[in-house]
ModelCIF file with pLDDT and N, C-alpha, C, O atoms, coordinates in Angstrom:
data_MODEL
#
_entry.id   MODEL 
#
_entity.id                         1 
_entity.type                       polymer 
_entity.pdbx_number_of_molecules   1 
#
_entity_poly.entity_id                      1 
_entity_poly.type                           'polypeptide(L)' 
_entity_poly.nstd_linkage                   no 
_entity_poly.nstd_monomer                   no 
_entity_poly.pdbx_seq_one_letter_code       PTLAWIVGTVVLSDVLGYFIGRKLGGPRFW 
_entity_poly.pdbx_seq_one_letter_code_can   PTLAWIVGTVVLSDVLGYFIGRKLGGPRFW 
_entity_poly.pdbx_strand_id                 A 
#
loop_
_entity_poly_seq.entity_id 
_entity_poly_seq.num 
_entity_poly_seq.mon_id 
_entity_poly_seq.hetero 
1 1  PRO n 
1 2  THR n 
1 3  LEU n 
1 4  ALA n 
1 5  TRP n 
1 6  ILE n 
1 7  VAL n 
1 8  GLY n 
1 9  THR n 
1 10 VAL n 
1 11 VAL n 
1 12 LEU n 
1 13 SER n 
1 14 ASP n 
1 15 VAL n 
1 16 LEU n 
1 17 GLY n 
1 18 TYR n 
1 19 PHE n 
1 20 ILE n 
1 21 GLY n 
1 22 ARG n 
1 23 LYS n 
1 24 LEU n 
1 25 GLY n 
1 26 GLY n 
1 27 PRO n 
1 28 ARG n 
1 29 PHE n 
1 30 TRP n 
#
_struct_asym.id          A 
_struct_asym.entity_id   1 
#
loop_
_ma_qa_metric.id 
_ma_qa_metric.mode 
_ma_qa_metric.name 
_ma_qa_metric.software_group_id 
_ma_qa_metric.type 
1 global pLDDT . pLDDT 
2 local  pLDDT . pLDDT 
#
_ma_qa_metric_global.metric_id      1 
_ma_qa_metric_global.metric_value   88.73 
_ma_qa_metric_global.model_id       1 
_ma_qa_metric_global.ordinal_id     1 
#
loop_
_ma_qa_metric_local.label_asym_id 
_ma_qa_metric_local.label_comp_id 
_ma_qa_metric_local.label_seq_id 
_ma_qa_metric_local.metric_id 
_ma_qa_metric_local.metric_value 
_ma_qa_metric_local.model_id 
_ma_qa_metric_local.ordinal_id 
A PRO 1  2 96.00 1 1  
A THR 2  2 97.00 1 2  
A LEU 3  2 97.00 1 3  
A ALA 4  2 96.00 1 4  
A TRP 5  2 97.00 1 5  
A ILE 6  2 98.00 1 6  
A VAL 7  2 96.00 1 7  
A GLY 8  2 96.00 1 8  
A THR 9  2 97.00 1 9  
A VAL 10 2 96.00 1 10 
A VAL 11 2 93.00 1 11 
A LEU 12 2 95.00 1 12 
A SER 13 2 94.00 1 13 
A ASP 14 2 90.00 1 14 
A VAL 15 2 89.00 1 15 
A LEU 16 2 92.00 1 16 
A GLY 17 2 88.00 1 17 
A TYR 18 2 83.00 1 18 
A PHE 19 2 86.00 1 19 
A ILE 20 2 88.00 1 20 
A GLY 21 2 83.00 1 21 
A ARG 22 2 79.00 1 22 
A LYS 23 2 82.00 1 23 
A LEU 24 2 81.00 1 24 
A GLY 25 2 76.00 1 25 
A GLY 26 2 77.00 1 26 
A PRO 27 2 80.00 1 27 
A ARG 28 2 82.00 1 28 
A PHE 29 2 80.00 1 29 
A TRP 30 2 78.00 1 30 
#
loop_
_atom_site.group_PDB 
_atom_site.id 
_atom_site.type_symbol 
_atom_site.label_atom_id 
_atom_site.label_alt_id 
_atom_site.label_comp_id 
_atom_site.label_asym_id 
_atom_site.label_entity_id 
_atom_site.label_seq_id 
_atom_site.pdbx_PDB_ins_code 
_atom_site.Cartn_x 
_atom_site.Cartn_y 
_atom_site.Cartn_z 
_atom_site.occupancy 
_atom_site.B_iso_or_equiv 
_atom_site.pdbx_formal_charge 
_atom_site.auth_seq_id 
_atom_site.auth_comp_id 
_atom_site.auth_asym_id 
_atom_site.auth_atom_id 
_atom_site.pdbx_PDB_model_num 
ATOM 1   N N  . PRO A 1 1  ? 20.734 -14.238 -3.536  1.00 96.00 ? 1  PRO A N  1 
ATOM 2   C CA . PRO A 1 1  ? 21.398 -12.688 -4.052  1.00 96.00 ? 1  PRO A CA 1 
ATOM 3   C C  . PRO A 1 1  ? 20.854 -11.940 -4.762  1.00 96.00 ? 1  PRO A C  1 
ATOM 4   O O  . PRO A 1 1  ? 20.705 -10.734 -4.567  1.00 96.00 ? 1  PRO A O  1 
ATOM 5   N N  . THR A 1 2  ? 20.343 -12.829 -6.049  1.00 97.00 ? 2  THR A N  1 
ATOM 6   C CA . THR A 1 2  ? 19.744 -12.004 -6.998  1.00 97.00 ? 2  THR A CA 1 
ATOM 7   C C  . THR A 1 2  ? 18.357 -11.367 -6.455  1.00 97.00 ? 2  THR A C  1 
ATOM 8   O O  . THR A 1 2  ? 17.988 -10.199 -6.580  1.00 97.00 ? 2  THR A O  1 
ATOM 9   N N  . LEU A 1 3  ? 17.677 -12.450 -5.812  1.00 97.00 ? 3  LEU A N  1 
ATOM 10  C CA . LEU A 1 3  ? 16.251 -11.942 -5.149  1.00 97.00 ? 3  LEU A CA 1 
ATOM 11  C C  . LEU A 1 3  ? 16.683 -10.873 -4.120  1.00 97.00 ? 3  LEU A C  1 
ATOM 12  O O  . LEU A 1 3  ? 15.764 -10.119 -3.800  1.00 97.00 ? 3  LEU A O  1 
ATOM 13  N N  . ALA A 1 4  ? 17.606 -10.692 -3.664  1.00 96.00 ? 4  ALA A N  1 
ATOM 14  C CA . ALA A 1 4  ? 17.808 -9.796  -2.235  1.00 96.00 ? 4  ALA A CA 1 
ATOM 15  C C  . ALA A 1 4  ? 18.101 -8.594  -3.192  1.00 96.00 ? 4  ALA A C  1 
ATOM 16  O O  . ALA A 1 4  ? 17.627 -7.551  -2.742  1.00 96.00 ? 4  ALA A O  1 
ATOM 17  N N  . TRP A 1 5  ? 18.857 -8.425  -4.579  1.00 97.00 ? 5  TRP A N  1 
ATOM 18  C CA . TRP A 1 5  ? 19.053 -7.332  -5.035  1.00 97.00 ? 5  TRP A CA 1 
ATOM 19  C C  . TRP A 1 5  ? 17.933 -6.514  -5.545  1.00 97.00 ? 5  TRP A C  1 
ATOM 20  O O  . TRP A 1 5  ? 17.909 -5.289  -5.666  1.00 97.00 ? 5  TRP A O  1 
ATOM 21  N N  . ILE A 1 6  ? 16.862 -7.509  -5.871  1.00 98.00 ? 6  ILE A N  1 
ATOM 22  C CA . ILE A 1 6  ? 15.571 -6.780  -6.560  1.00 98.00 ? 6  ILE A CA 1 
ATOM 23  C C  . ILE A 1 6  ? 14.837 -6.113  -5.376  1.00 98.00 ? 6  ILE A C  1 
ATOM 24  O O  . ILE A 1 6  ? 14.296 -5.023  -5.561  1.00 98.00 ? 6  ILE A O  1 
ATOM 25  N N  . VAL A 1 7  ? 14.791 -6.735  -4.123  1.00 96.00 ? 7  VAL A N  1 
ATOM 26  C CA . VAL A 1 7  ? 14.157 -6.340  -3.078  1.00 96.00 ? 7  VAL A CA 1 
ATOM 27  C C  . VAL A 1 7  ? 14.878 -5.133  -2.374  1.00 96.00 ? 7  VAL A C  1 
ATOM 28  O O  . VAL A 1 7  ? 14.263 -4.172  -1.911  1.00 96.00 ? 7  VAL A O  1 
ATOM 29  N N  . GLY A 1 8  ? 16.150 -5.267  -2.342  1.00 96.00 ? 8  GLY A N  1 
ATOM 30  C CA . GLY A 1 8  ? 16.863 -4.065  -2.004  1.00 96.00 ? 8  GLY A CA 1 
ATOM 31  C C  . GLY A 1 8  ? 16.699 -2.682  -3.027  1.00 96.00 ? 8  GLY A C  1 
ATOM 32  O O  . GLY A 1 8  ? 16.731 -1.538  -2.575  1.00 96.00 ? 8  GLY A O  1 
ATOM 33  N N  . THR A 1 9  ? 16.564 -2.920  -4.114  1.00 97.00 ? 9  THR A N  1 
ATOM 34  C CA . THR A 1 9  ? 16.443 -2.064  -5.125  1.00 97.00 ? 9  THR A CA 1 
ATOM 35  C C  . THR A 1 9  ? 15.174 -1.503  -4.810  1.00 97.00 ? 9  THR A C  1 
ATOM 36  O O  . THR A 1 9  ? 15.232 -0.281  -4.941  1.00 97.00 ? 9  THR A O  1 
ATOM 37  N N  . VAL A 1 10 ? 14.154 -1.861  -4.480  1.00 96.00 ? 10 VAL A N  1 
ATOM 38  C CA . VAL A 1 10 ? 12.801 -1.764  -4.428  1.00 96.00 ? 10 VAL A CA 1 
ATOM 39  C C  . VAL A 1 10 ? 12.517 -0.654  -3.137  1.00 96.00 ? 10 VAL A C  1 
ATOM 40  O O  . VAL A 1 10 ? 11.936 0.429   -3.189  1.00 96.00 ? 10 VAL A O  1 
ATOM 41  N N  . VAL A 1 11 ? 13.122 -1.312  -2.019  1.00 93.00 ? 11 VAL A N  1 
ATOM 42  C CA . VAL A 1 11 ? 13.238 -0.695  -0.785  1.00 93.00 ? 11 VAL A CA 1 
ATOM 43  C C  . VAL A 1 11 ? 14.150 0.579   -0.660  1.00 93.00 ? 11 VAL A C  1 
ATOM 44  O O  . VAL A 1 11 ? 13.698 1.526   -0.015  1.00 93.00 ? 11 VAL A O  1 
ATOM 45  N N  . LEU A 1 12 ? 15.450 0.683   -1.249  1.00 95.00 ? 12 LEU A N  1 
ATOM 46  C CA . LEU A 1 12 ? 16.269 1.678   -1.315  1.00 95.00 ? 12 LEU A CA 1 
ATOM 47  C C  . LEU A 1 12 ? 15.116 2.758   -2.308  1.00 95.00 ? 12 LEU A C  1 
ATOM 48  O O  . LEU A 1 12 ? 14.843 3.812   -1.733  1.00 95.00 ? 12 LEU A O  1 
ATOM 49  N N  . SER A 1 13 ? 14.619 2.606   -3.363  1.00 94.00 ? 13 SER A N  1 
ATOM 50  C CA . SER A 1 13 ? 14.195 3.358   -4.083  1.00 94.00 ? 13 SER A CA 1 
ATOM 51  C C  . SER A 1 13 ? 12.777 3.927   -3.337  1.00 94.00 ? 13 SER A C  1 
ATOM 52  O O  . SER A 1 13 ? 12.521 5.129   -3.403  1.00 94.00 ? 13 SER A O  1 
ATOM 53  N N  . ASP A 1 14 ? 12.038 3.162   -2.755  1.00 90.00 ? 14 ASP A N  1 
ATOM 54  C CA . ASP A 1 14 ? 10.929 3.776   -1.799  1.00 90.00 ? 14 ASP A CA 1 
ATOM 55  C C  . ASP A 1 14 ? 11.363 4.602   -0.677  1.00 90.00 ? 14 ASP A C  1 
ATOM 56  O O  . ASP A 1 14 ? 10.743 5.644   -0.465  1.00 90.00 ? 14 ASP A O  1 
ATOM 57  N N  . VAL A 1 15 ? 12.293 4.295   0.032   1.00 89.00 ? 15 VAL A N  1 
ATOM 58  C CA . VAL A 1 15 ? 12.999 5.119   0.989   1.00 89.00 ? 15 VAL A CA 1 
ATOM 59  C C  . VAL A 1 15 ? 13.270 6.291   0.569   1.00 89.00 ? 15 VAL A C  1 
ATOM 60  O O  . VAL A 1 15 ? 12.523 7.227   0.853   1.00 89.00 ? 15 VAL A O  1 
ATOM 61  N N  . LEU A 1 16 ? 14.242 6.442   -0.088  1.00 92.00 ? 16 LEU A N  1 
ATOM 62  C CA . LEU A 1 16 ? 14.788 7.546   -0.815  1.00 92.00 ? 16 LEU A CA 1 
ATOM 63  C C  . LEU A 1 16 ? 13.610 8.531   -1.428  1.00 92.00 ? 16 LEU A C  1 
ATOM 64  O O  . LEU A 1 16 ? 13.474 9.723   -1.153  1.00 92.00 ? 16 LEU A O  1 
ATOM 65  N N  . GLY A 1 17 ? 12.952 7.903   -2.149  1.00 88.00 ? 17 GLY A N  1 
ATOM 66  C CA . GLY A 1 17 ? 11.495 8.357   -2.594  1.00 88.00 ? 17 GLY A CA 1 
ATOM 67  C C  . GLY A 1 17 ? 10.642 9.236   -1.608  1.00 88.00 ? 17 GLY A C  1 
ATOM 68  O O  . GLY A 1 17 ? 10.120 10.344  -1.730  1.00 88.00 ? 17 GLY A O  1 
ATOM 69  N N  . TYR A 1 18 ? 10.693 8.413   -0.688  1.00 83.00 ? 18 TYR A N  1 
ATOM 70  C CA . TYR A 1 18 ? 9.789  8.931   0.352   1.00 83.00 ? 18 TYR A CA 1 
ATOM 71  C C  . TYR A 1 18 ? 10.561 10.312  1.100   1.00 83.00 ? 18 TYR A C  1 
ATOM 72  O O  . TYR A 1 18 ? 10.067 11.439  1.107   1.00 83.00 ? 18 TYR A O  1 
ATOM 73  N N  . PHE A 1 19 ? 11.750 9.974   1.657   1.00 86.00 ? 19 PHE A N  1 
ATOM 74  C CA . PHE A 1 19 ? 12.457 10.891  2.379   1.00 86.00 ? 19 PHE A CA 1 
ATOM 75  C C  . PHE A 1 19 ? 12.676 12.293  1.711   1.00 86.00 ? 19 PHE A C  1 
ATOM 76  O O  . PHE A 1 19 ? 12.497 13.361  2.296   1.00 86.00 ? 19 PHE A O  1 
ATOM 77  N N  . ILE A 1 20 ? 13.185 12.117  0.094   1.00 88.00 ? 20 ILE A N  1 
ATOM 78  C CA . ILE A 1 20 ? 13.647 12.923  -0.528  1.00 88.00 ? 20 ILE A CA 1 
ATOM 79  C C  . ILE A 1 20 ? 12.552 13.820  -1.009  1.00 88.00 ? 20 ILE A C  1 
ATOM 80  O O  . ILE A 1 20 ? 12.666 15.046  -1.033  1.00 88.00 ? 20 ILE A O  1 
ATOM 81  N N  . GLY A 1 21 ? 11.390 13.108  -1.427  1.00 83.00 ? 21 GLY A N  1 
ATOM 82  C CA . GLY A 1 21 ? 10.397 13.877  -1.863  1.00 83.00 ? 21 GLY A CA 1 
ATOM 83  C C  . GLY A 1 21 ? 9.571  14.786  -0.799  1.00 83.00 ? 21 GLY A C  1 
ATOM 84  O O  . GLY A 1 21 ? 9.079  15.879  -1.076  1.00 83.00 ? 21 GLY A O  1 
ATOM 85  N N  . ARG A 1 22 ? 9.508  14.160  0.435   1.00 79.00 ? 22 ARG A N  1 
ATOM 86  C CA . ARG A 1 22 ? 9.153  14.951  1.724   1.00 79.00 ? 22 ARG A CA 1 
ATOM 87  C C  . ARG A 1 22 ? 10.070 16.274  1.846   1.00 79.00 ? 22 ARG A C  1 
ATOM 88  O O  . ARG A 1 22 ? 9.624  17.421  1.877   1.00 79.00 ? 22 ARG A O  1 
ATOM 89  N N  . LYS A 1 23 ? 11.494 15.895  1.911   1.00 82.00 ? 23 LYS A N  1 
ATOM 90  C CA . LYS A 1 23 ? 12.266 17.052  1.974   1.00 82.00 ? 23 LYS A CA 1 
ATOM 91  C C  . LYS A 1 23 ? 12.412 18.261  1.040   1.00 82.00 ? 23 LYS A C  1 
ATOM 92  O O  . LYS A 1 23 ? 12.462 19.458  1.323   1.00 82.00 ? 23 LYS A O  1 
ATOM 93  N N  . LEU A 1 24 ? 12.461 17.699  -0.030  1.00 81.00 ? 24 LEU A N  1 
ATOM 94  C CA . LEU A 1 24 ? 12.680 18.786  -1.319  1.00 81.00 ? 24 LEU A CA 1 
ATOM 95  C C  . LEU A 1 24 ? 11.408 19.105  -2.084  1.00 81.00 ? 24 LEU A C  1 
ATOM 96  O O  . LEU A 1 24 ? 11.370 20.133  -2.761  1.00 81.00 ? 24 LEU A O  1 
ATOM 97  N N  . GLY A 1 25 ? 10.364 18.287  -2.019  1.00 76.00 ? 25 GLY A N  1 
ATOM 98  C CA . GLY A 1 25 ? 8.933  18.486  -2.432  1.00 76.00 ? 25 GLY A CA 1 
ATOM 99  C C  . GLY A 1 25 ? 9.313  18.891  -4.156  1.00 76.00 ? 25 GLY A C  1 
ATOM 100 O O  . GLY A 1 25 ? 10.193 18.221  -4.696  1.00 76.00 ? 25 GLY A O  1 
ATOM 101 N N  . GLY A 1 26 ? 8.726  19.816  -4.827  1.00 77.00 ? 26 GLY A N  1 
ATOM 102 C CA . GLY A 1 26 ? 8.784  20.365  -6.091  1.00 77.00 ? 26 GLY A CA 1 
ATOM 103 C C  . GLY A 1 26 ? 7.487  19.614  -6.894  1.00 77.00 ? 26 GLY A C  1 
ATOM 104 O O  . GLY A 1 26 ? 6.462  19.142  -6.402  1.00 77.00 ? 26 GLY A O  1 
ATOM 105 N N  . PRO A 1 27 ? 7.875  19.672  -8.180  1.00 80.00 ? 27 PRO A N  1 
ATOM 106 C CA . PRO A 1 27 ? 6.929  19.497  -9.229  1.00 80.00 ? 27 PRO A CA 1 
ATOM 107 C C  . PRO A 1 27 ? 6.431  17.892  -8.896  1.00 80.00 ? 27 PRO A C  1 
ATOM 108 O O  . PRO A 1 27 ? 7.157  17.025  -8.412  1.00 80.00 ? 27 PRO A O  1 
ATOM 109 N N  . ARG A 1 28 ? 4.980  17.732  -9.291  1.00 82.00 ? 28 ARG A N  1 
ATOM 110 C CA . ARG A 1 28 ? 4.605  16.273  -8.891  1.00 82.00 ? 28 ARG A CA 1 
ATOM 111 C C  . ARG A 1 28 ? 4.880  15.371  -10.179 1.00 82.00 ? 28 ARG A C  1 
ATOM 112 O O  . ARG A 1 28 ? 4.916  15.873  -11.303 1.00 82.00 ? 28 ARG A O  1 
ATOM 113 N N  . PHE A 1 29 ? 5.051  14.148  -9.971  1.00 80.00 ? 29 PHE A N  1 
ATOM 114 C CA . PHE A 1 29 ? 5.379  13.125  -11.070 1.00 80.00 ? 29 PHE A CA 1 
ATOM 115 C C  . PHE A 1 29 ? 4.018  12.899  -11.717 1.00 80.00 ? 29 PHE A C  1 
ATOM 116 O O  . PHE A 1 29 ? 4.022  12.743  -12.938 1.00 80.00 ? 29 PHE A O  1 
ATOM 117 N N  . TRP A 1 30 ? 2.910  12.861  -11.102 1.00 78.00 ? 30 TRP A N  1 
ATOM 118 C CA . TRP A 1 30 ? 1.862  12.331  -11.976 1.00 78.00 ? 30 TRP A CA 1 
ATOM 119 C C  . TRP A 1 30 ? 0.869  12.750  -11.063 1.00 78.00 ? 30 TRP A C  1 
ATOM 120 O O  . TRP A 1 30 ? -0.320 12.545  -11.306 1.00 78.00 ? 30 TRP A O  1 
#
């Protein structure tokens, strides 16, 4: 469960970053 939480955090962050970043755009992080 702890490992699944870490993996889930990364996957969720990556998916949201991809879709929200593509949808909203805006200033670049780096």
